[in-house]
Amino acid sequence: MDILQWIIIALIAAYVISRFIPTKGITNITVQEAKDKFKDKNIQFIDVRTLGEYKANHRPQFKNIPLSDLPTKANKLDKDKAVVVICQSGMRSAKAAKILKKQGFAKIYNVKGGMNAWF
């Protein structure tokens, strides 16, 4: 293989690896750990599922801000408080956590397994 092929392979490998490295300031937590945080008044709870999903099944502590609305509505949240994000499986909330991190939130918790793991 020539040098260009090695560079392309290295770039692809670096990209794939970067997708699995946790982002600083984002912590994955279990459902039980999320429940334990309900007592803390300095934590905001955000459900990033669609409104229909939220209405069908949600926890009252979580405020619904769909993932598609989060980039524009995150400014309504307090950046000085920690944020717990949840979705159905944990994938959208992981994306939401990265959006919040880019917008300056310092302490973000993503619920592993999302609502699927709640029961």
PDB file of N, CA and C in Angstrom:
ATOM      1  N   MET A   1       0.847  -1.183   0.000  1.00  0.00           N
ATOM      2  CA  MET A   1       0.000   0.000   0.000  1.00  0.00           C
ATOM      3  C   MET A   1       0.888   1.241   0.000  1.00  0.00           C
ATOM      4  N   ASP A   2       0.363   2.239  -0.659  1.00  0.00           N
ATOM      5  CA  ASP A   2       1.137   3.470  -0.678  1.00  0.00           C
ATOM      6  C   ASP A   2       0.775   4.347   0.524  1.00  0.00           C
ATOM      7  N   ILE A   3       1.469   5.422   0.688  1.00  0.00           N
ATOM      8  CA  ILE A   3       1.323   6.294   1.867  1.00  0.00           C
ATOM      9  C   ILE A   3      -0.085   6.879   1.977  1.00  0.00           C
ATOM     10  N   LEU A   4      -0.724   7.195   0.865  1.00  0.00           N
ATOM     11  CA  LEU A   4      -2.069   7.776   0.890  1.00  0.00           C
ATOM     12  C   LEU A   4      -3.073   6.791   1.483  1.00  0.00           C
ATOM     13  N   GLN A   5      -2.966   5.536   1.131  1.00  0.00           N
ATOM     14  CA  GLN A   5      -3.863   4.532   1.683  1.00  0.00           C
ATOM     15  C   GLN A   5      -3.663   4.393   3.201  1.00  0.00           C
ATOM     16  N   TRP A   6      -2.429   4.436   3.656  1.00  0.00           N
ATOM     17  CA  TRP A   6      -2.147   4.360   5.091  1.00  0.00           C
ATOM     18  C   TRP A   6      -2.719   5.568   5.833  1.00  0.00           C
ATOM     19  N   ILE A   7      -2.617   6.722   5.228  1.00  0.00           N
ATOM     20  CA  ILE A   7      -3.164   7.939   5.843  1.00  0.00           C
ATOM     21  C   ILE A   7      -4.680   7.835   5.949  1.00  0.00           C
ATOM     22  N   ILE A   8      -5.322   7.365   4.912  1.00  0.00           N
ATOM     23  CA  ILE A   8      -6.789   7.220   4.923  1.00  0.00           C
ATOM     24  C   ILE A   8      -7.209   6.209   5.996  1.00  0.00           C
ATOM     25  N   ILE A   9      -6.513   5.095   6.069  1.00  0.00           N
ATOM     26  CA  ILE A   9      -6.816   4.079   7.089  1.00  0.00           C
ATOM     27  C   ILE A   9      -6.626   4.658   8.496  1.00  0.00           C
ATOM     28  N   ALA A  10      -5.557   5.408   8.692  1.00  0.00           N
ATOM     29  CA  ALA A  10      -5.285   6.010   9.998  1.00  0.00           C
ATOM     30  C   ALA A  10      -6.371   7.019  10.368  1.00  0.00           C
ATOM     31  N   LEU A  11      -6.814   7.816   9.424  1.00  0.00           N
ATOM     32  CA  LEU A  11      -7.871   8.796   9.683  1.00  0.00           C
ATOM     33  C   LEU A  11      -9.193   8.114  10.034  1.00  0.00           C
ATOM     34  N   ILE A  12      -9.516   7.070   9.315  1.00  0.00           N
ATOM     35  CA  ILE A  12     -10.758   6.327   9.603  1.00  0.00           C
ATOM     36  C   ILE A  12     -10.667   5.696  10.994  1.00  0.00           C
ATOM     37  N   ALA A  13      -9.539   5.089  11.306  1.00  0.00           N
ATOM     38  CA  ALA A  13      -9.359   4.469  12.626  1.00  0.00           C
ATOM     39  C   ALA A  13      -9.459   5.514  13.739  1.00  0.00           C
ATOM     40  N   ALA A  14      -8.852   6.668  13.543  1.00  0.00           N
ATOM     41  CA  ALA A  14      -8.905   7.734  14.552  1.00  0.00           C
ATOM     42  C   ALA A  14     -10.338   8.210  14.753  1.00  0.00           C
ATOM     43  N   TYR A  15     -11.089   8.326  13.675  1.00  0.00           N
ATOM     44  CA  TYR A  15     -12.487   8.751  13.782  1.00  0.00           C
ATOM     45  C   TYR A  15     -13.314   7.734  14.560  1.00  0.00           C
ATOM     46  N   VAL A  16     -13.163   6.462  14.231  1.00  0.00           N
ATOM     47  CA  VAL A  16     -13.924   5.403  14.911  1.00  0.00           C
ATOM     48  C   VAL A  16     -13.568   5.368  16.399  1.00  0.00           C
ATOM     49  N   ILE A  17     -12.310   5.443  16.720  1.00  0.00           N
ATOM     50  CA  ILE A  17     -11.878   5.424  18.115  1.00  0.00           C
ATOM     51  C   ILE A  17     -12.423   6.641  18.865  1.00  0.00           C
ATOM     52  N   SER A  18     -12.414   7.802  18.233  1.00  0.00           N
ATOM     53  CA  SER A  18     -12.897   9.024  18.892  1.00  0.00           C
ATOM     54  C   SER A  18     -14.375   8.952  19.237  1.00  0.00           C
ATOM     55  N   ARG A  19     -15.127   8.159  18.507  1.00  0.00           N
ATOM     56  CA  ARG A  19     -16.554   8.020  18.776  1.00  0.00           C
ATOM     57  C   ARG A  19     -16.820   7.245  20.063  1.00  0.00           C
ATOM     58  N   PHE A  20     -15.846   6.456  20.525  1.00  0.00           N
ATOM     59  CA  PHE A  20     -16.023   5.632  21.714  1.00  0.00           C
ATOM     60  C   PHE A  20     -15.376   6.223  22.963  1.00  0.00           C
ATOM     61  N   ILE A  21     -14.584   7.258  22.810  1.00  0.00           N
ATOM     62  CA  ILE A  21     -13.937   7.886  23.953  1.00  0.00           C
ATOM     63  C   ILE A  21     -14.935   8.838  24.602  1.00  0.00           C
ATOM     64  N   PRO A  22     -15.162   8.703  25.906  1.00  0.00           N
ATOM     65  CA  PRO A  22     -16.124   9.580  26.565  1.00  0.00           C
ATOM     66  C   PRO A  22     -15.663  11.032  26.550  1.00  0.00           C
ATOM     67  N   THR A  23     -16.625  11.927  26.420  1.00  0.00           N
ATOM     68  CA  THR A  23     -16.350  13.354  26.419  1.00  0.00           C
ATOM     69  C   THR A  23     -16.216  13.839  27.855  1.00  0.00           C
ATOM     70  N   LYS A  24     -15.210  14.645  28.115  1.00  0.00           N
ATOM     71  CA  LYS A  24     -14.994  15.171  29.461  1.00  0.00           C
ATOM     72  C   LYS A  24     -16.205  15.997  29.881  1.00  0.00           C
ATOM     73  N   GLY A  25     -16.687  15.741  31.099  1.00  0.00           N
ATOM     74  CA  GLY A  25     -17.843  16.481  31.600  1.00  0.00           C
ATOM     75  C   GLY A  25     -19.158  15.763  31.378  1.00  0.00           C
ATOM     76  N   ILE A  26     -19.124  14.646  30.645  1.00  0.00           N
ATOM     77  CA  ILE A  26     -20.328  13.837  30.427  1.00  0.00           C
ATOM     78  C   ILE A  26     -20.099  12.485  31.094  1.00  0.00           C
ATOM     79  N   THR A  27     -21.009  12.153  32.012  1.00  0.00           N
ATOM     80  CA  THR A  27     -20.898  10.903  32.758  1.00  0.00           C
ATOM     81  C   THR A  27     -22.109  10.032  32.472  1.00  0.00           C
ATOM     82  N   ASN A  28     -21.872   8.782  32.107  1.00  0.00           N
ATOM     83  CA  ASN A  28     -22.980   7.842  31.936  1.00  0.00           C
ATOM     84  C   ASN A  28     -23.357   7.293  33.298  1.00  0.00           C
ATOM     85  N   ILE A  29     -24.660   7.307  33.592  1.00  0.00           N
ATOM     86  CA  ILE A  29     -25.143   6.823  34.881  1.00  0.00           C
ATOM     87  C   ILE A  29     -26.250   5.799  34.674  1.00  0.00           C
ATOM     88  N   THR A  30     -26.503   5.021  35.689  1.00  0.00           N
ATOM     89  CA  THR A  30     -27.573   4.027  35.647  1.00  0.00           C
ATOM     90  C   THR A  30     -28.902   4.696  36.001  1.00  0.00           C
ATOM     91  N   VAL A  31     -29.979   3.970  35.790  1.00  0.00           N
ATOM     92  CA  VAL A  31     -31.306   4.456  36.170  1.00  0.00           C
ATOM     93  C   VAL A  31     -31.341   4.719  37.673  1.00  0.00           C
ATOM     94  N   GLN A  32     -30.777   3.815  38.469  1.00  0.00           N
ATOM     95  CA  GLN A  32     -30.785   4.003  39.921  1.00  0.00           C
ATOM     96  C   GLN A  32     -30.030   5.268  40.317  1.00  0.00           C
ATOM     97  N   GLU A  33     -28.909   5.525  39.664  1.00  0.00           N
ATOM     98  CA  GLU A  33     -28.151   6.746  39.959  1.00  0.00           C
ATOM     99  C   GLU A  33     -28.959   7.992  39.581  1.00  0.00           C
ATOM    100  N   ALA A  34     -29.724   7.909  38.487  1.00  0.00           N
ATOM    101  CA  ALA A  34     -30.592   9.032  38.098  1.00  0.00           C
ATOM    102  C   ALA A  34     -31.676   9.248  39.153  1.00  0.00           C
ATOM    103  N   LYS A  35     -32.278   8.161  39.612  1.00  0.00           N
ATOM    104  CA  LYS A  35     -33.310   8.257  40.654  1.00  0.00           C
ATOM    105  C   LYS A  35     -32.730   8.883  41.925  1.00  0.00           C
ATOM    106  N   ASP A  36     -31.514   8.525  42.260  1.00  0.00           N
ATOM    107  CA  ASP A  36     -30.869   9.062  43.461  1.00  0.00           C
ATOM    108  C   ASP A  36     -30.651  10.572  43.355  1.00  0.00           C
ATOM    109  N   LYS A  37     -30.562  11.086  42.148  1.00  0.00           N
ATOM    110  CA  LYS A  37     -30.334  12.509  41.939  1.00  0.00           C
ATOM    111  C   LYS A  37     -31.627  13.334  42.037  1.00  0.00           C
ATOM    112  N   PHE A  38     -32.787  12.683  42.079  1.00  0.00           N
ATOM    113  CA  PHE A  38     -34.055  13.409  42.173  1.00  0.00           C
ATOM    114  C   PHE A  38     -34.119  14.308  43.401  1.00  0.00           C
ATOM    115  N   LYS A  39     -33.412  13.956  44.447  1.00  0.00           N
ATOM    116  CA  LYS A  39     -33.429  14.729  45.694  1.00  0.00           C
ATOM    117  C   LYS A  39     -32.646  16.035  45.585  1.00  0.00           C
ATOM    118  N   ASP A  40     -31.746  16.115  44.617  1.00  0.00           N
ATOM    119  CA  ASP A  40     -30.864  17.276  44.468  1.00  0.00           C
ATOM    120  C   ASP A  40     -31.562  18.372  43.661  1.00  0.00           C
ATOM    121  N   LYS A  41     -31.813  19.493  44.298  1.00  0.00           N
ATOM    122  CA  LYS A  41     -32.516  20.614  43.644  1.00  0.00           C
ATOM    123  C   LYS A  41     -31.612  21.387  42.681  1.00  0.00           C
ATOM    124  N   ASN A  42     -30.327  21.074  42.662  1.00  0.00           N
ATOM    125  CA  ASN A  42     -29.401  21.753  41.764  1.00  0.00           C
ATOM    126  C   ASN A  42     -29.143  20.954  40.488  1.00  0.00           C
ATOM    127  N   ILE A  43     -30.044  20.033  40.189  1.00  0.00           N
ATOM    128  CA  ILE A  43     -29.925  19.237  38.971  1.00  0.00           C
ATOM    129  C   ILE A  43     -31.185  19.409  38.136  1.00  0.00           C
ATOM    130  N   GLN A  44     -30.991  19.578  36.839  1.00  0.00           N
ATOM    131  CA  GLN A  44     -32.093  19.687  35.885  1.00  0.00           C
ATOM    132  C   GLN A  44     -32.242  18.346  35.177  1.00  0.00           C
ATOM    133  N   PHE A  45     -33.478  17.919  34.954  1.00  0.00           N
ATOM    134  CA  PHE A  45     -33.752  16.637  34.317  1.00  0.00           C
ATOM    135  C   PHE A  45     -34.442  16.889  32.985  1.00  0.00           C
ATOM    136  N   ILE A  46     -33.811  16.423  31.895  1.00  0.00           N
ATOM    137  CA  ILE A  46     -34.306  16.687  30.551  1.00  0.00           C
ATOM    138  C   ILE A  46     -34.540  15.371  29.813  1.00  0.00           C
ATOM    139  N   ASP A  47     -35.730  15.241  29.244  1.00  0.00           N
ATOM    140  CA  ASP A  47     -36.101  14.088  28.416  1.00  0.00           C
ATOM    141  C   ASP A  47     -36.093  14.579  26.971  1.00  0.00           C
ATOM    142  N   VAL A  48     -35.238  14.008  26.122  1.00  0.00           N
ATOM    143  CA  VAL A  48     -35.068  14.509  24.759  1.00  0.00           C
ATOM    144  C   VAL A  48     -35.855  13.704  23.718  1.00  0.00           C
ATOM    145  N   ARG A  49     -36.794  12.880  24.189  1.00  0.00           N
ATOM    146  CA  ARG A  49     -37.634  12.140  23.241  1.00  0.00           C
ATOM    147  C   ARG A  49     -38.670  13.079  22.622  1.00  0.00           C
ATOM    148  N   THR A  50     -39.363  12.584  21.610  1.00  0.00           N
ATOM    149  CA  THR A  50     -40.426  13.375  20.986  1.00  0.00           C
ATOM    150  C   THR A  50     -41.559  13.583  21.981  1.00  0.00           C
ATOM    151  N   LEU A  51     -42.391  14.566  21.716  1.00  0.00           N
ATOM    152  CA  LEU A  51     -43.505  14.855  22.613  1.00  0.00           C
ATOM    153  C   LEU A  51     -44.433  13.643  22.749  1.00  0.00           C
ATOM    154  N   GLY A  52     -44.674  12.930  21.650  1.00  0.00           N
ATOM    155  CA  GLY A  52     -45.521  11.739  21.697  1.00  0.00           C
ATOM    156  C   GLY A  52     -44.949  10.659  22.594  1.00  0.00           C
ATOM    157  N   GLU A  53     -43.645  10.410  22.489  1.00  0.00           N
ATOM    158  CA  GLU A  53     -42.985   9.424  23.341  1.00  0.00           C
ATOM    159  C   GLU A  53     -43.058   9.856  24.806  1.00  0.00           C
ATOM    160  N   TYR A  54     -42.837  11.137  25.026  1.00  0.00           N
ATOM    161  CA  TYR A  54     -42.858  11.674  26.387  1.00  0.00           C
ATOM    162  C   TYR A  54     -44.241  11.534  27.013  1.00  0.00           C
ATOM    163  N   LYS A  55     -45.281  11.881  26.249  1.00  0.00           N
ATOM    164  CA  LYS A  55     -46.650  11.788  26.773  1.00  0.00           C
ATOM    165  C   LYS A  55     -47.050  10.346  27.069  1.00  0.00           C
ATOM    166  N   ALA A  56     -46.544   9.413  26.278  1.00  0.00           N
ATOM    167  CA  ALA A  56     -46.900   8.008  26.455  1.00  0.00           C
ATOM    168  C   ALA A  56     -46.313   7.433  27.745  1.00  0.00           C
ATOM    169  N   ASN A  57     -45.132   7.908  28.132  1.00  0.00           N
ATOM    170  CA  ASN A  57     -44.468   7.361  29.321  1.00  0.00           C
ATOM    171  C   ASN A  57     -43.333   8.291  29.720  1.00  0.00           C
ATOM    172  N   HIS A  58     -43.429   8.889  30.892  1.00  0.00           N
ATOM    173  CA  HIS A  58     -42.342   9.736  31.371  1.00  0.00           C
ATOM    174  C   HIS A  58     -42.328   9.790  32.890  1.00  0.00           C
ATOM    175  N   ARG A  59     -41.262  10.315  33.409  1.00  0.00           N
ATOM    176  CA  ARG A  59     -41.132  10.568  34.835  1.00  0.00           C
ATOM    177  C   ARG A  59     -41.366  12.052  35.049  1.00  0.00           C
ATOM    178  N   PRO A  60     -42.160  12.411  36.061  1.00  0.00           N
ATOM    179  CA  PRO A  60     -42.521  13.818  36.248  1.00  0.00           C
ATOM    180  C   PRO A  60     -41.343  14.746  36.516  1.00  0.00           C
ATOM    181  N   GLN A  61     -40.236  14.214  36.976  1.00  0.00           N
ATOM    182  CA  GLN A  61     -39.065  15.051  37.245  1.00  0.00           C
ATOM    183  C   GLN A  61     -38.421  15.569  35.962  1.00  0.00           C
ATOM    184  N   PHE A  62     -38.671  14.874  34.846  1.00  0.00           N
ATOM    185  CA  PHE A  62     -38.029  15.226  33.584  1.00  0.00           C
ATOM    186  C   PHE A  62     -38.886  16.195  32.774  1.00  0.00           C
ATOM    187  N   LYS A  63     -38.255  17.258  32.310  1.00  0.00           N
ATOM    188  CA  LYS A  63     -38.895  18.228  31.419  1.00  0.00           C
ATOM    189  C   LYS A  63     -38.619  17.782  29.981  1.00  0.00           C
ATOM    190  N   ASN A  64     -39.628  17.851  29.133  1.00  0.00           N
ATOM    191  CA  ASN A  64     -39.461  17.415  27.746  1.00  0.00           C
ATOM    192  C   ASN A  64     -38.911  18.540  26.878  1.00  0.00           C
ATOM    193  N   ILE A  65     -37.737  18.317  26.319  1.00  0.00           N
ATOM    194  CA  ILE A  65     -37.164  19.171  25.278  1.00  0.00           C
ATOM    195  C   ILE A  65     -36.660  18.220  24.208  1.00  0.00           C
ATOM    196  N   PRO A  66     -37.446  18.003  23.135  1.00  0.00           N
ATOM    197  CA  PRO A  66     -37.019  17.062  22.100  1.00  0.00           C
ATOM    198  C   PRO A  66     -35.622  17.398  21.562  1.00  0.00           C
ATOM    199  N   LEU A  67     -34.886  16.371  21.196  1.00  0.00           N
ATOM    200  CA  LEU A  67     -33.519  16.546  20.703  1.00  0.00           C
ATOM    201  C   LEU A  67     -33.460  17.577  19.579  1.00  0.00           C
ATOM    202  N   SER A  68     -34.437  17.559  18.686  1.00  0.00           N
ATOM    203  CA  SER A  68     -34.425  18.498  17.556  1.00  0.00           C
ATOM    204  C   SER A  68     -34.558  19.950  18.010  1.00  0.00           C
ATOM    205  N   ASP A  69     -35.157  20.180  19.183  1.00  0.00           N
ATOM    206  CA  ASP A  69     -35.334  21.538  19.713  1.00  0.00           C
ATOM    207  C   ASP A  69     -34.217  21.961  20.657  1.00  0.00           C
ATOM    208  N   LEU A  70     -33.414  21.038  21.097  1.00  0.00           N
ATOM    209  CA  LEU A  70     -32.421  21.315  22.128  1.00  0.00           C
ATOM    210  C   LEU A  70     -31.428  22.418  21.750  1.00  0.00           C
ATOM    211  N   PRO A  71     -30.898  22.434  20.529  1.00  0.00           N
ATOM    212  CA  PRO A  71     -29.921  23.492  20.224  1.00  0.00           C
ATOM    213  C   PRO A  71     -30.467  24.911  20.433  1.00  0.00           C
ATOM    214  N   THR A  72     -31.755  25.111  20.196  1.00  0.00           N
ATOM    215  CA  THR A  72     -32.325  26.451  20.364  1.00  0.00           C
ATOM    216  C   THR A  72     -32.937  26.679  21.733  1.00  0.00           C
ATOM    217  N   LYS A  73     -33.303  25.621  22.442  1.00  0.00           N
ATOM    218  CA  LYS A  73     -33.955  25.774  23.740  1.00  0.00           C
ATOM    219  C   LYS A  73     -33.024  25.555  24.932  1.00  0.00           C
ATOM    220  N   ALA A  74     -31.806  25.156  24.677  1.00  0.00           N
ATOM    221  CA  ALA A  74     -30.860  24.921  25.777  1.00  0.00           C
ATOM    222  C   ALA A  74     -30.578  26.205  26.548  1.00  0.00           C
ATOM    223  N   ASN A  75     -30.754  27.351  25.908  1.00  0.00           N
ATOM    224  CA  ASN A  75     -30.494  28.618  26.593  1.00  0.00           C
ATOM    225  C   ASN A  75     -31.494  28.883  27.719  1.00  0.00           C
ATOM    226  N   LYS A  76     -32.586  28.118  27.786  1.00  0.00           N
ATOM    227  CA  LYS A  76     -33.563  28.249  28.867  1.00  0.00           C
ATOM    228  C   LYS A  76     -33.140  27.458  30.107  1.00  0.00           C
ATOM    229  N   LEU A  77     -32.081  26.682  29.976  1.00  0.00           N
ATOM    230  CA  LEU A  77     -31.573  25.892  31.089  1.00  0.00           C
ATOM    231  C   LEU A  77     -30.469  26.663  31.812  1.00  0.00           C
ATOM    232  N   ASP A  78     -30.241  26.321  33.062  1.00  0.00           N
ATOM    233  CA  ASP A  78     -29.226  26.963  33.887  1.00  0.00           C
ATOM    234  C   ASP A  78     -27.890  26.244  33.716  1.00  0.00           C
ATOM    235  N   LYS A  79     -26.910  26.941  33.137  1.00  0.00           N
ATOM    236  CA  LYS A  79     -25.599  26.334  32.894  1.00  0.00           C
ATOM    237  C   LYS A  79     -24.820  26.065  34.175  1.00  0.00           C
ATOM    238  N   ASP A  80     -25.246  26.681  35.269  1.00  0.00           N
ATOM    239  CA  ASP A  80     -24.568  26.478  36.543  1.00  0.00           C
ATOM    240  C   ASP A  80     -25.040  25.220  37.266  1.00  0.00           C
ATOM    241  N   LYS A  81     -26.115  24.624  36.777  1.00  0.00           N
ATOM    242  CA  LYS A  81     -26.638  23.407  37.383  1.00  0.00           C
ATOM    243  C   LYS A  81     -26.279  22.203  36.521  1.00  0.00           C
ATOM    244  N   ALA A  82     -26.150  21.055  37.154  1.00  0.00           N
ATOM    245  CA  ALA A  82     -25.920  19.810  36.418  1.00  0.00           C
ATOM    246  C   ALA A  82     -27.189  19.443  35.660  1.00  0.00           C
ATOM    247  N   VAL A  83     -27.031  18.641  34.615  1.00  0.00           N
ATOM    248  CA  VAL A  83     -28.158  18.210  33.791  1.00  0.00           C
ATOM    249  C   VAL A  83     -28.126  16.692  33.652  1.00  0.00           C
ATOM    250  N   VAL A  84     -29.280  16.063  33.868  1.00  0.00           N
ATOM    251  CA  VAL A  84     -29.446  14.636  33.600  1.00  0.00           C
ATOM    252  C   VAL A  84     -30.312  14.534  32.353  1.00  0.00           C
ATOM    253  N   VAL A  85     -29.814  13.849  31.325  1.00  0.00           N
ATOM    254  CA  VAL A  85     -30.577  13.689  30.084  1.00  0.00           C
ATOM    255  C   VAL A  85     -30.953  12.227  29.885  1.00  0.00           C
ATOM    256  N   ILE A  86     -32.149  12.037  29.347  1.00  0.00           N
ATOM    257  CA  ILE A  86     -32.653  10.687  29.090  1.00  0.00           C
ATOM    258  C   ILE A  86     -33.397  10.686  27.767  1.00  0.00           C
ATOM    259  N   CYS A  87     -33.444   9.515  27.126  1.00  0.00           N
ATOM    260  CA  CYS A  87     -34.261   9.306  25.927  1.00  0.00           C
ATOM    261  C   CYS A  87     -34.819   7.884  26.039  1.00  0.00           C
ATOM    262  N   GLN A  88     -35.139   7.261  24.940  1.00  0.00           N
ATOM    263  CA  GLN A  88     -35.687   5.913  25.004  1.00  0.00           C
ATOM    264  C   GLN A  88     -34.613   4.866  25.272  1.00  0.00           C
ATOM    265  N   SER A  89     -33.464   4.990  24.579  1.00  0.00           N
ATOM    266  CA  SER A  89     -32.432   3.954  24.696  1.00  0.00           C
ATOM    267  C   SER A  89     -31.082   4.460  25.191  1.00  0.00           C
ATOM    268  N   GLY A  90     -30.873   5.756  25.188  1.00  0.00           N
ATOM    269  CA  GLY A  90     -29.590   6.326  25.588  1.00  0.00           C
ATOM    270  C   GLY A  90     -28.798   6.904  24.446  1.00  0.00           C
ATOM    271  N   MET A  91     -29.223   6.671  23.220  1.00  0.00           N
ATOM    272  CA  MET A  91     -28.491   7.172  22.055  1.00  0.00           C
ATOM    273  C   MET A  91     -28.750   8.662  21.817  1.00  0.00           C
ATOM    274  N   ARG A  92     -30.014   9.060  21.789  1.00  0.00           N
ATOM    275  CA  ARG A  92     -30.335  10.479  21.582  1.00  0.00           C
ATOM    276  C   ARG A  92     -29.856  11.319  22.753  1.00  0.00           C
ATOM    277  N   SER A  93     -29.951  10.780  23.949  1.00  0.00           N
ATOM    278  CA  SER A  93     -29.493  11.549  25.107  1.00  0.00           C
ATOM    279  C   SER A  93     -27.972  11.727  25.072  1.00  0.00           C
ATOM    280  N   ALA A  94     -27.255  10.771  24.507  1.00  0.00           N
ATOM    281  CA  ALA A  94     -25.806  10.928  24.344  1.00  0.00           C
ATOM    282  C   ALA A  94     -25.512  12.076  23.377  1.00  0.00           C
ATOM    283  N   LYS A  95     -26.294  12.160  22.307  1.00  0.00           N
ATOM    284  CA  LYS A  95     -26.147  13.288  21.369  1.00  0.00           C
ATOM    285  C   LYS A  95     -26.512  14.591  22.058  1.00  0.00           C
ATOM    286  N   ALA A  96     -27.576  14.568  22.849  1.00  0.00           N
ATOM    287  CA  ALA A  96     -28.007  15.761  23.581  1.00  0.00           C
ATOM    288  C   ALA A  96     -26.915  16.220  24.546  1.00  0.00           C
ATOM    289  N   ALA A  97     -26.281  15.270  25.211  1.00  0.00           N
ATOM    290  CA  ALA A  97     -25.212  15.606  26.145  1.00  0.00           C
ATOM    291  C   ALA A  97     -24.077  16.332  25.435  1.00  0.00           C
ATOM    292  N   LYS A  98     -23.733  15.888  24.249  1.00  0.00           N
ATOM    293  CA  LYS A  98     -22.668  16.546  23.486  1.00  0.00           C
ATOM    294  C   LYS A  98     -23.086  17.945  23.052  1.00  0.00           C
ATOM    295  N   ILE A  99     -24.354  18.120  22.693  1.00  0.00           N
ATOM    296  CA  ILE A  99     -24.866  19.449  22.332  1.00  0.00           C
ATOM    297  C   ILE A  99     -24.755  20.381  23.539  1.00  0.00           C
ATOM    298  N   LEU A 100     -25.182  19.893  24.696  1.00  0.00           N
ATOM    299  CA  LEU A 100     -25.115  20.709  25.909  1.00  0.00           C
ATOM    300  C   LEU A 100     -23.671  21.054  26.266  1.00  0.00           C
ATOM    301  N   LYS A 101     -22.777  20.095  26.097  1.00  0.00           N
ATOM    302  CA  LYS A 101     -21.359  20.333  26.379  1.00  0.00           C
ATOM    303  C   LYS A 101     -20.821  21.449  25.489  1.00  0.00           C
ATOM    304  N   LYS A 102     -21.162  21.415  24.206  1.00  0.00           N
ATOM    305  CA  LYS A 102     -20.704  22.446  23.273  1.00  0.00           C
ATOM    306  C   LYS A 102     -21.288  23.811  23.611  1.00  0.00           C
ATOM    307  N   GLN A 103     -22.450  23.818  24.281  1.00  0.00           N
ATOM    308  CA  GLN A 103     -23.084  25.080  24.639  1.00  0.00           C
ATOM    309  C   GLN A 103     -22.636  25.599  26.007  1.00  0.00           C
ATOM    310  N   GLY A 104     -21.685  24.913  26.633  1.00  0.00           N
ATOM    311  CA  GLY A 104     -21.077  25.433  27.844  1.00  0.00           C
ATOM    312  C   GLY A 104     -21.529  24.815  29.152  1.00  0.00           C
ATOM    313  N   PHE A 105     -22.326  23.766  29.104  1.00  0.00           N
ATOM    314  CA  PHE A 105     -22.717  23.083  30.340  1.00  0.00           C
ATOM    315  C   PHE A 105     -21.530  22.256  30.817  1.00  0.00           C
ATOM    316  N   ALA A 106     -21.278  22.305  32.116  1.00  0.00           N
ATOM    317  CA  ALA A 106     -20.071  21.666  32.641  1.00  0.00           C
ATOM    318  C   ALA A 106     -20.301  20.249  33.159  1.00  0.00           C
ATOM    319  N   LYS A 107     -21.450  19.986  33.756  1.00  0.00           N
ATOM    320  CA  LYS A 107     -21.698  18.676  34.373  1.00  0.00           C
ATOM    321  C   LYS A 107     -22.970  18.082  33.785  1.00  0.00           C
ATOM    322  N   ILE A 108     -22.802  17.025  33.005  1.00  0.00           N
ATOM    323  CA  ILE A 108     -23.914  16.407  32.294  1.00  0.00           C
ATOM    324  C   ILE A 108     -23.896  14.908  32.567  1.00  0.00           C
ATOM    325  N   TYR A 109     -25.073  14.374  32.867  1.00  0.00           N
ATOM    326  CA  TYR A 109     -25.222  12.936  33.101  1.00  0.00           C
ATOM    327  C   TYR A 109     -26.147  12.363  32.036  1.00  0.00           C
ATOM    328  N   ASN A 110     -25.735  11.282  31.405  1.00  0.00           N
ATOM    329  CA  ASN A 110     -26.543  10.569  30.420  1.00  0.00           C
ATOM    330  C   ASN A 110     -27.005   9.249  31.040  1.00  0.00           C
ATOM    331  N   VAL A 111     -28.315   9.004  31.020  1.00  0.00           N
ATOM    332  CA  VAL A 111     -28.855   7.779  31.609  1.00  0.00           C
ATOM    333  C   VAL A 111     -28.673   6.621  30.623  1.00  0.00           C
ATOM    334  N   LYS A 112     -27.807   5.663  31.007  1.00  0.00           N
ATOM    335  CA  LYS A 112     -27.546   4.492  30.163  1.00  0.00           C
ATOM    336  C   LYS A 112     -28.819   3.661  30.015  1.00  0.00           C
ATOM    337  N   GLY A 113     -29.147   3.299  28.797  1.00  0.00           N
ATOM    338  CA  GLY A 113     -30.315   2.468  28.556  1.00  0.00           C
ATOM    339  C   GLY A 113     -31.617   3.247  28.478  1.00  0.00           C
ATOM    340  N   GLY A 114     -31.598   4.500  28.883  1.00  0.00           N
ATOM    341  CA  GLY A 114     -32.768   5.369  28.777  1.00  0.00           C
ATOM    342  C   GLY A 114     -34.006   4.805  29.467  1.00  0.00           C
ATOM    343  N   MET A 115     -35.156   5.164  28.931  1.00  0.00           N
ATOM    344  CA  MET A 115     -36.423   4.700  29.500  1.00  0.00           C
ATOM    345  C   MET A 115     -36.582   3.194  29.370  1.00  0.00           C
ATOM    346  N   ASN A 116     -35.917   2.593  28.395  1.00  0.00           N
ATOM    347  CA  ASN A 116     -35.969   1.135  28.260  1.00  0.00           C
ATOM    348  C   ASN A 116     -35.435   0.436  29.510  1.00  0.00           C
ATOM    349  N   ALA A 117     -34.487   1.073  30.188  1.00  0.00           N
ATOM    350  CA  ALA A 117     -33.869   0.478  31.368  1.00  0.00           C
ATOM    351  C   ALA A 117     -34.604   0.854  32.652  1.00  0.00           C
ATOM    352  N   TRP A 118     -35.602   1.709  32.549  1.00  0.00           N
ATOM    353  CA  TRP A 118     -36.256   2.235  33.743  1.00  0.00           C
ATOM    354  C   TRP A 118     -37.029   1.172  34.506  1.00  0.00           C
ATOM    355  N   PHE A 119     -37.550   0.200  33.816  1.00  0.00           N
ATOM    356  CA  PHE A 119     -38.432  -0.781  34.478  1.00  0.00           C
ATOM    357  C   PHE A 119     -37.710  -2.041  34.862  1.00  0.00           C
TER     358      PHE A 119
END
